[in-house]
């Protein structure tokens, strides 16, 4: 039976089937074209900032007072590591959030010295102050970022302090006037402490433009601009006088 002799409802059904087939074919062609020409979107990769901090001045530690029980022979003590600096981003990257996650760090009291002399932490960190000397210490601070007084406690004891505000905290001992240290508290994780050679590296920095500062013993550099490439390394050196 030819098409002209087919019933009207059969001819209408055939036309609908043909129309559906044509639409499906056209859609498939469009999808193929889109899949071919659509660009691939890849996430930005974190980079890092590295360099060196050169000190043109020679920091000198505070003089230690002799003890009455030493009989002219001073007890051994550690010298504070005054050459270590802290390098940090002036402000957190866009999209980064301030952190108050809990963490722990230690600032020991050993041979009449705070160890380490410089400690860099994020907000929300609790710092333990153990006393490993054979005599009493009394750790305190009058800094705006964190004021505290731990009182006197003997060897083998430790007392904690939680740091919830960013800033620089100067730490002293009320018994030994020559003991002092610094705690730098940041609201972001983009900072690093230099090694004994003055080298530093800040990891996991999102690509973009930043301003970076170097700090040592209360002296800060001017903020230097830098661009961190996608997945690359940016180099930046400092000189502190």
C-alpha atoms as a PDB file:
ATOM      1  CA  UNK A   1       0.000   0.000   0.000  1.00  0.00           C
ATOM      2  CA  UNK A   2       1.499   3.344  -1.049  1.00  0.00           C
ATOM      3  CA  UNK A   3       1.441   6.505   1.095  1.00  0.00           C
ATOM      4  CA  UNK A   4      -1.461   8.030  -0.799  1.00  0.00           C
ATOM      5  CA  UNK A   5      -3.638   5.056   0.039  1.00  0.00           C
ATOM      6  CA  UNK A   6      -2.647   5.022   3.755  1.00  0.00           C
ATOM      7  CA  UNK A   7      -5.226   6.163   6.283  1.00  0.00           C
ATOM      8  CA  UNK A   8      -4.901   9.806   7.460  1.00  0.00           C
ATOM      9  CA  UNK A   9      -4.057   8.804  11.055  1.00  0.00           C
ATOM     10  CA  UNK A  10      -1.201   6.591   9.784  1.00  0.00           C
ATOM     11  CA  UNK A  11       0.231   9.382   7.662  1.00  0.00           C
ATOM     12  CA  UNK A  12       0.114  11.784  10.661  1.00  0.00           C
ATOM     13  CA  UNK A  13       1.887   9.234  12.858  1.00  0.00           C
ATOM     14  CA  UNK A  14       4.622   8.827  10.262  1.00  0.00           C
ATOM     15  CA  UNK A  15       5.174  12.567  10.056  1.00  0.00           C
ATOM     16  CA  UNK A  16       5.508  12.783  13.845  1.00  0.00           C
ATOM     17  CA  UNK A  17       8.086   9.985  13.918  1.00  0.00           C
ATOM     18  CA  UNK A  18      10.106  11.651  11.162  1.00  0.00           C
ATOM     19  CA  UNK A  19      10.004  14.984  13.023  1.00  0.00           C
ATOM     20  CA  UNK A  20      11.192  13.376  16.270  1.00  0.00           C
ATOM     21  CA  UNK A  21      14.041  11.613  14.480  1.00  0.00           C
ATOM     22  CA  UNK A  22      15.168  14.865  12.814  1.00  0.00           C
ATOM     23  CA  UNK A  23      15.112  16.764  16.144  1.00  0.00           C
ATOM     24  CA  UNK A  24      17.105  14.047  17.900  1.00  0.00           C
ATOM     25  CA  UNK A  25      19.712  14.030  15.136  1.00  0.00           C
ATOM     26  CA  UNK A  26      20.030  17.827  15.259  1.00  0.00           C
ATOM     27  CA  UNK A  27      20.426  17.816  19.057  1.00  0.00           C
ATOM     28  CA  UNK A  28      23.145  15.164  18.869  1.00  0.00           C
ATOM     29  CA  UNK A  29      25.051  17.233  16.314  1.00  0.00           C
ATOM     30  CA  UNK A  30      24.801  20.345  18.528  1.00  0.00           C
ATOM     31  CA  UNK A  31      26.040  18.437  21.578  1.00  0.00           C
ATOM     32  CA  UNK A  32      28.984  17.095  19.645  1.00  0.00           C
ATOM     33  CA  UNK A  33      29.917  20.571  18.504  1.00  0.00           C
ATOM     34  CA  UNK A  34      29.676  21.954  22.041  1.00  0.00           C
ATOM     35  CA  UNK A  35      31.831  19.170  23.433  1.00  0.00           C
ATOM     36  CA  UNK A  36      34.476  19.832  20.821  1.00  0.00           C
ATOM     37  CA  UNK A  37      34.707  23.624  21.130  1.00  0.00           C
ATOM     38  CA  UNK A  38      34.071  24.089  24.875  1.00  0.00           C
ATOM     39  CA  UNK A  39      37.328  25.082  26.626  1.00  0.00           C
ATOM     40  CA  UNK A  40      38.631  23.032  29.514  1.00  0.00           C
ATOM     41  CA  UNK A  41      38.443  24.871  32.864  1.00  0.00           C
ATOM     42  CA  UNK A  42      41.235  24.018  35.311  1.00  0.00           C
ATOM     43  CA  UNK A  43      41.530  25.176  38.913  1.00  0.00           C
ATOM     44  CA  UNK A  44      44.296  27.627  39.794  1.00  0.00           C
ATOM     45  CA  UNK A  45      47.284  25.948  41.432  1.00  0.00           C
ATOM     46  CA  UNK A  46      48.874  27.332  44.576  1.00  0.00           C
ATOM     47  CA  UNK A  47      52.401  28.670  44.353  1.00  0.00           C
ATOM     48  CA  UNK A  48      55.055  29.717  46.849  1.00  0.00           C
ATOM     49  CA  UNK A  49      57.282  32.645  47.819  1.00  0.00           C
ATOM     50  CA  UNK A  50      60.898  32.093  48.741  1.00  0.00           C
ATOM     51  CA  UNK A  51      63.989  34.180  49.353  1.00  0.00           C
ATOM     52  CA  UNK A  52      66.433  35.341  51.997  1.00  0.00           C
ATOM     53  CA  UNK A  53      66.496  37.949  54.737  1.00  0.00           C
ATOM     54  CA  UNK A  54      69.869  39.659  55.213  1.00  0.00           C
ATOM     55  CA  UNK A  55      70.572  41.460  58.484  1.00  0.00           C
ATOM     56  CA  UNK A  56      72.912  44.438  58.158  1.00  0.00           C
ATOM     57  CA  UNK A  57      72.864  44.979  61.917  1.00  0.00           C
ATOM     58  CA  UNK A  58      74.056  42.601  64.632  1.00  0.00           C
ATOM     59  CA  UNK A  59      71.412  42.005  67.306  1.00  0.00           C
ATOM     60  CA  UNK A  60      72.840  41.722  70.815  1.00  0.00           C
ATOM     61  CA  UNK A  61      71.164  39.815  73.652  1.00  0.00           C
ATOM     62  CA  UNK A  62      70.383  41.438  76.986  1.00  0.00           C
ATOM     63  CA  UNK A  63      73.098  40.991  79.587  1.00  0.00           C
ATOM     64  CA  UNK A  64      72.439  38.325  82.169  1.00  0.00           C
ATOM     65  CA  UNK A  65      72.568  39.225  85.860  1.00  0.00           C
ATOM     66  CA  UNK A  66      74.894  36.990  87.905  1.00  0.00           C
ATOM     67  CA  UNK A  67      73.241  34.856  90.572  1.00  0.00           C
ATOM     68  CA  UNK A  68      74.364  34.916  94.201  1.00  0.00           C
ATOM     69  CA  UNK A  69      74.806  31.124  94.211  1.00  0.00           C
ATOM     70  CA  UNK A  70      77.135  31.028  91.197  1.00  0.00           C
ATOM     71  CA  UNK A  71      80.305  32.073  93.107  1.00  0.00           C
ATOM     72  CA  UNK A  72      81.716  33.888  90.103  1.00  0.00           C
ATOM     73  CA  UNK A  73      81.086  31.033  87.655  1.00  0.00           C
ATOM     74  CA  UNK A  74      77.956  31.696  85.622  1.00  0.00           C
ATOM     75  CA  UNK A  75      75.691  28.761  84.976  1.00  0.00           C
ATOM     76  CA  UNK A  76      75.457  27.572  81.358  1.00  0.00           C
ATOM     77  CA  UNK A  77      72.650  29.085  79.333  1.00  0.00           C
ATOM     78  CA  UNK A  78      71.502  29.197  75.728  1.00  0.00           C
ATOM     79  CA  UNK A  79      71.940  32.319  73.656  1.00  0.00           C
ATOM     80  CA  UNK A  80      68.688  33.475  72.068  1.00  0.00           C
ATOM     81  CA  UNK A  81      68.620  32.990  68.302  1.00  0.00           C
ATOM     82  CA  UNK A  82      68.340  36.651  67.299  1.00  0.00           C
ATOM     83  CA  UNK A  83      69.050  36.012  63.624  1.00  0.00           C
ATOM     84  CA  UNK A  84      65.741  34.336  62.817  1.00  0.00           C
ATOM     85  CA  UNK A  85      63.226  36.569  61.059  1.00  0.00           C
ATOM     86  CA  UNK A  86      59.557  36.219  60.142  1.00  0.00           C
ATOM     87  CA  UNK A  87      58.310  36.881  56.601  1.00  0.00           C
ATOM     88  CA  UNK A  88      54.577  37.238  55.999  1.00  0.00           C
ATOM     89  CA  UNK A  89      51.895  38.532  53.648  1.00  0.00           C
ATOM     90  CA  UNK A  90      50.643  41.975  54.605  1.00  0.00           C
ATOM     91  CA  UNK A  91      47.054  40.786  54.065  1.00  0.00           C
ATOM     92  CA  UNK A  92      45.445  37.426  53.393  1.00  0.00           C
ATOM     93  CA  UNK A  93      44.582  36.451  49.798  1.00  0.00           C
ATOM     94  CA  UNK A  94      41.116  37.263  48.516  1.00  0.00           C
ATOM     95  CA  UNK A  95      38.739  34.501  49.491  1.00  0.00           C
ATOM     96  CA  UNK A  96      40.881  33.383  52.425  1.00  0.00           C
ATOM     97  CA  UNK A  97      39.182  33.474  55.796  1.00  0.00           C
ATOM     98  CA  UNK A  98      40.538  34.268  59.196  1.00  0.00           C
ATOM     99  CA  UNK A  99      41.241  31.163  61.194  1.00  0.00           C
ATOM    100  CA  UNK A 100      40.642  30.415  64.853  1.00  0.00           C
ATOM    101  CA  UNK A 101      41.460  26.733  64.625  1.00  0.00           C
ATOM    102  CA  UNK A 102      43.037  25.301  67.713  1.00  0.00           C
ATOM    103  CA  UNK A 103      46.664  24.243  67.629  1.00  0.00           C
ATOM    104  CA  UNK A 104      49.580  23.805  70.025  1.00  0.00           C
ATOM    105  CA  UNK A 105      53.089  25.213  70.196  1.00  0.00           C
ATOM    106  CA  UNK A 106      55.839  25.223  72.828  1.00  0.00           C
ATOM    107  CA  UNK A 107      58.071  27.980  74.149  1.00  0.00           C
ATOM    108  CA  UNK A 108      60.478  26.338  76.600  1.00  0.00           C
ATOM    109  CA  UNK A 109      62.369  27.969  79.477  1.00  0.00           C
ATOM    110  CA  UNK A 110      65.794  26.423  79.310  1.00  0.00           C
ATOM    111  CA  UNK A 111      69.098  27.683  80.736  1.00  0.00           C
ATOM    112  CA  UNK A 112      67.485  31.053  81.442  1.00  0.00           C
ATOM    113  CA  UNK A 113      66.412  31.457  77.820  1.00  0.00           C
ATOM    114  CA  UNK A 114      63.107  31.236  75.987  1.00  0.00           C
ATOM    115  CA  UNK A 115      63.375  28.588  73.267  1.00  0.00           C
ATOM    116  CA  UNK A 116      62.543  29.456  70.549  1.00  0.00           C
ATOM    117  CA  UNK A 117      63.277  33.155  70.834  1.00  0.00           C
ATOM    118  CA  UNK A 118      60.804  33.879  68.011  1.00  0.00           C
ATOM    119  CA  UNK A 119      57.587  31.915  67.595  1.00  0.00           C
ATOM    120  CA  UNK A 120      55.074  32.485  64.757  1.00  0.00           C
ATOM    121  CA  UNK A 121      51.552  31.046  65.171  1.00  0.00           C
ATOM    122  CA  UNK A 122      47.982  31.467  63.947  1.00  0.00           C
ATOM    123  CA  UNK A 123      45.110  32.767  66.054  1.00  0.00           C
ATOM    124  CA  UNK A 124      43.518  30.121  68.226  1.00  0.00           C
ATOM    125  CA  UNK A 125      46.850  28.480  69.063  1.00  0.00           C
ATOM    126  CA  UNK A 126      47.663  27.505  72.649  1.00  0.00           C
ATOM    127  CA  UNK A 127      51.312  27.906  73.619  1.00  0.00           C
ATOM    128  CA  UNK A 128      52.712  25.778  76.436  1.00  0.00           C
ATOM    129  CA  UNK A 129      55.447  27.351  78.603  1.00  0.00           C
ATOM    130  CA  UNK A 130      57.292  24.435  80.296  1.00  0.00           C
ATOM    131  CA  UNK A 131      60.015  25.103  82.827  1.00  0.00           C
ATOM    132  CA  UNK A 132      62.973  22.773  82.281  1.00  0.00           C
ATOM    133  CA  UNK A 133      65.359  24.739  84.516  1.00  0.00           C
ATOM    134  CA  UNK A 134      66.111  23.705  88.075  1.00  0.00           C
ATOM    135  CA  UNK A 135      64.771  26.975  89.481  1.00  0.00           C
ATOM    136  CA  UNK A 136      61.593  29.035  89.308  1.00  0.00           C
ATOM    137  CA  UNK A 137      60.385  31.171  86.392  1.00  0.00           C
ATOM    138  CA  UNK A 138      57.522  33.630  86.064  1.00  0.00           C
ATOM    139  CA  UNK A 139      56.401  34.181  82.460  1.00  0.00           C
ATOM    140  CA  UNK A 140      54.354  37.288  81.683  1.00  0.00           C
ATOM    141  CA  UNK A 141      53.431  39.765  78.957  1.00  0.00           C
ATOM    142  CA  UNK A 142      51.929  43.255  78.913  1.00  0.00           C
ATOM    143  CA  UNK A 143      51.307  43.290  75.150  1.00  0.00           C
ATOM    144  CA  UNK A 144      47.982  44.552  73.791  1.00  0.00           C
ATOM    145  CA  UNK A 145      47.472  41.424  71.698  1.00  0.00           C
ATOM    146  CA  UNK A 146      47.720  39.231  74.813  1.00  0.00           C
ATOM    147  CA  UNK A 147      48.319  40.167  78.443  1.00  0.00           C
ATOM    148  CA  UNK A 148      49.033  37.403  80.954  1.00  0.00           C
ATOM    149  CA  UNK A 149      51.019  36.530  84.080  1.00  0.00           C
ATOM    150  CA  UNK A 150      51.609  32.830  84.765  1.00  0.00           C
ATOM    151  CA  UNK A 151      53.062  33.317  88.240  1.00  0.00           C
ATOM    152  CA  UNK A 152      56.032  31.432  89.660  1.00  0.00           C
ATOM    153  CA  UNK A 153      56.329  27.720  88.984  1.00  0.00           C
ATOM    154  CA  UNK A 154      59.120  25.203  89.447  1.00  0.00           C
ATOM    155  CA  UNK A 155      60.962  22.800  87.152  1.00  0.00           C
ATOM    156  CA  UNK A 156      58.869  20.107  85.545  1.00  0.00           C
ATOM    157  CA  UNK A 157      55.732  22.268  85.404  1.00  0.00           C
ATOM    158  CA  UNK A 158      54.125  23.901  82.381  1.00  0.00           C
ATOM    159  CA  UNK A 159      51.391  26.491  81.983  1.00  0.00           C
ATOM    160  CA  UNK A 160      49.408  27.260  78.805  1.00  0.00           C
ATOM    161  CA  UNK A 161      48.234  30.485  77.168  1.00  0.00           C
ATOM    162  CA  UNK A 162      45.767  30.703  74.269  1.00  0.00           C
ATOM    163  CA  UNK A 163      46.294  33.481  71.684  1.00  0.00           C
ATOM    164  CA  UNK A 164      43.057  34.622  70.018  1.00  0.00           C
ATOM    165  CA  UNK A 165      44.047  38.032  68.621  1.00  0.00           C
ATOM    166  CA  UNK A 166      46.594  38.784  65.888  1.00  0.00           C
ATOM    167  CA  UNK A 167      49.554  40.930  66.846  1.00  0.00           C
ATOM    168  CA  UNK A 168      53.045  40.879  68.341  1.00  0.00           C
ATOM    169  CA  UNK A 169      53.380  39.612  71.911  1.00  0.00           C
ATOM    170  CA  UNK A 170      56.545  40.369  73.860  1.00  0.00           C
ATOM    171  CA  UNK A 171      57.297  37.735  76.501  1.00  0.00           C
ATOM    172  CA  UNK A 172      59.420  38.224  79.652  1.00  0.00           C
ATOM    173  CA  UNK A 173      60.333  36.491  82.890  1.00  0.00           C
ATOM    174  CA  UNK A 174      59.597  38.449  86.070  1.00  0.00           C
ATOM    175  CA  UNK A 175      62.499  36.739  87.874  1.00  0.00           C
ATOM    176  CA  UNK A 176      65.205  36.894  85.161  1.00  0.00           C
ATOM    177  CA  UNK A 177      65.187  40.320  83.511  1.00  0.00           C
ATOM    178  CA  UNK A 178      67.443  39.272  80.620  1.00  0.00           C
ATOM    179  CA  UNK A 179      64.929  36.669  79.386  1.00  0.00           C
ATOM    180  CA  UNK A 180      62.705  37.853  76.555  1.00  0.00           C
ATOM    181  CA  UNK A 181      61.043  36.460  73.436  1.00  0.00           C
ATOM    182  CA  UNK A 182      58.533  37.310  70.713  1.00  0.00           C
ATOM    183  CA  UNK A 183      55.326  35.580  69.642  1.00  0.00           C
ATOM    184  CA  UNK A 184      53.862  36.763  66.325  1.00  0.00           C
ATOM    185  CA  UNK A 185      50.197  35.848  65.976  1.00  0.00           C
ATOM    186  CA  UNK A 186      48.627  35.849  62.498  1.00  0.00           C
ATOM    187  CA  UNK A 187      45.012  35.497  61.347  1.00  0.00           C
ATOM    188  CA  UNK A 188      46.172  33.608  58.226  1.00  0.00           C
ATOM    189  CA  UNK A 189      48.749  30.876  57.558  1.00  0.00           C
ATOM    190  CA  UNK A 190      50.844  32.744  54.974  1.00  0.00           C
ATOM    191  CA  UNK A 191      54.065  33.309  56.929  1.00  0.00           C
ATOM    192  CA  UNK A 192      57.412  31.612  57.519  1.00  0.00           C
ATOM    193  CA  UNK A 193      60.325  31.775  59.961  1.00  0.00           C
ATOM    194  CA  UNK A 194      63.778  31.926  58.398  1.00  0.00           C
ATOM    195  CA  UNK A 195      66.337  29.170  58.870  1.00  0.00           C
ATOM    196  CA  UNK A 196      69.818  29.828  60.370  1.00  0.00           C
ATOM    197  CA  UNK A 197      70.993  31.047  56.948  1.00  0.00           C
ATOM    198  CA  UNK A 198      68.163  33.561  56.636  1.00  0.00           C
ATOM    199  CA  UNK A 199      66.235  31.592  54.006  1.00  0.00           C
ATOM    200  CA  UNK A 200      62.458  31.309  54.041  1.00  0.00           C
ATOM    201  CA  UNK A 201      59.634  29.788  51.991  1.00  0.00           C
ATOM    202  CA  UNK A 202      55.891  30.502  52.233  1.00  0.00           C
ATOM    203  CA  UNK A 203      53.919  27.603  50.778  1.00  0.00           C
ATOM    204  CA  UNK A 204      50.405  27.156  49.320  1.00  0.00           C
ATOM    205  CA  UNK A 205      49.917  30.784  48.263  1.00  0.00           C
ATOM    206  CA  UNK A 206      47.054  31.267  45.759  1.00  0.00           C
ATOM    207  CA  UNK A 207      48.265  32.916  42.521  1.00  0.00           C
ATOM    208  CA  UNK A 208      47.933  36.693  42.550  1.00  0.00           C
ATOM    209  CA  UNK A 209      49.543  39.975  43.595  1.00  0.00           C
ATOM    210  CA  UNK A 210      50.634  40.527  47.192  1.00  0.00           C
ATOM    211  CA  UNK A 211      52.708  42.712  49.500  1.00  0.00           C
ATOM    212  CA  UNK A 212      55.250  40.961  51.712  1.00  0.00           C
ATOM    213  CA  UNK A 213      56.937  42.134  54.930  1.00  0.00           C
ATOM    214  CA  UNK A 214      60.049  40.884  56.738  1.00  0.00           C
ATOM    215  CA  UNK A 215      60.390  41.315  60.527  1.00  0.00           C
ATOM    216  CA  UNK A 216      63.283  40.853  62.939  1.00  0.00           C
ATOM    217  CA  UNK A 217      63.547  41.869  66.613  1.00  0.00           C
ATOM    218  CA  UNK A 218      60.856  44.533  66.355  1.00  0.00           C
ATOM    219  CA  UNK A 219      62.159  45.980  63.057  1.00  0.00           C
ATOM    220  CA  UNK A 220      59.962  45.601  59.952  1.00  0.00           C
ATOM    221  CA  UNK A 221      60.807  46.149  56.312  1.00  0.00           C
ATOM    222  CA  UNK A 222      58.751  48.152  53.884  1.00  0.00           C
ATOM    223  CA  UNK A 223      56.055  46.055  52.238  1.00  0.00           C
ATOM    224  CA  UNK A 224      57.376  44.716  48.909  1.00  0.00           C
ATOM    225  CA  UNK A 225      55.060  43.841  45.998  1.00  0.00           C
ATOM    226  CA  UNK A 226      55.238  40.430  44.374  1.00  0.00           C
ATOM    227  CA  UNK A 227      53.226  38.338  41.922  1.00  0.00           C
ATOM    228  CA  UNK A 228      52.820  34.628  42.603  1.00  0.00           C
ATOM    229  CA  UNK A 229      52.359  32.688  39.327  1.00  0.00           C
ATOM    230  CA  UNK A 230      49.905  29.842  38.877  1.00  0.00           C
ATOM    231  CA  UNK A 231      51.675  26.824  40.361  1.00  0.00           C
ATOM    232  CA  UNK A 232      55.028  28.618  40.333  1.00  0.00           C
ATOM    233  CA  UNK A 233      57.605  30.121  42.674  1.00  0.00           C
ATOM    234  CA  UNK A 234      58.189  33.849  43.249  1.00  0.00           C
ATOM    235  CA  UNK A 235      61.566  35.086  44.523  1.00  0.00           C
ATOM    236  CA  UNK A 236      61.869  37.970  47.007  1.00  0.00           C
ATOM    237  CA  UNK A 237      64.839  39.003  49.184  1.00  0.00           C
ATOM    238  CA  UNK A 238      64.986  41.492  52.060  1.00  0.00           C
ATOM    239  CA  UNK A 239      67.641  43.553  53.795  1.00  0.00           C
ATOM    240  CA  UNK A 240      67.012  44.764  57.339  1.00  0.00           C
ATOM    241  CA  UNK A 241      69.268  47.472  58.771  1.00  0.00           C
END
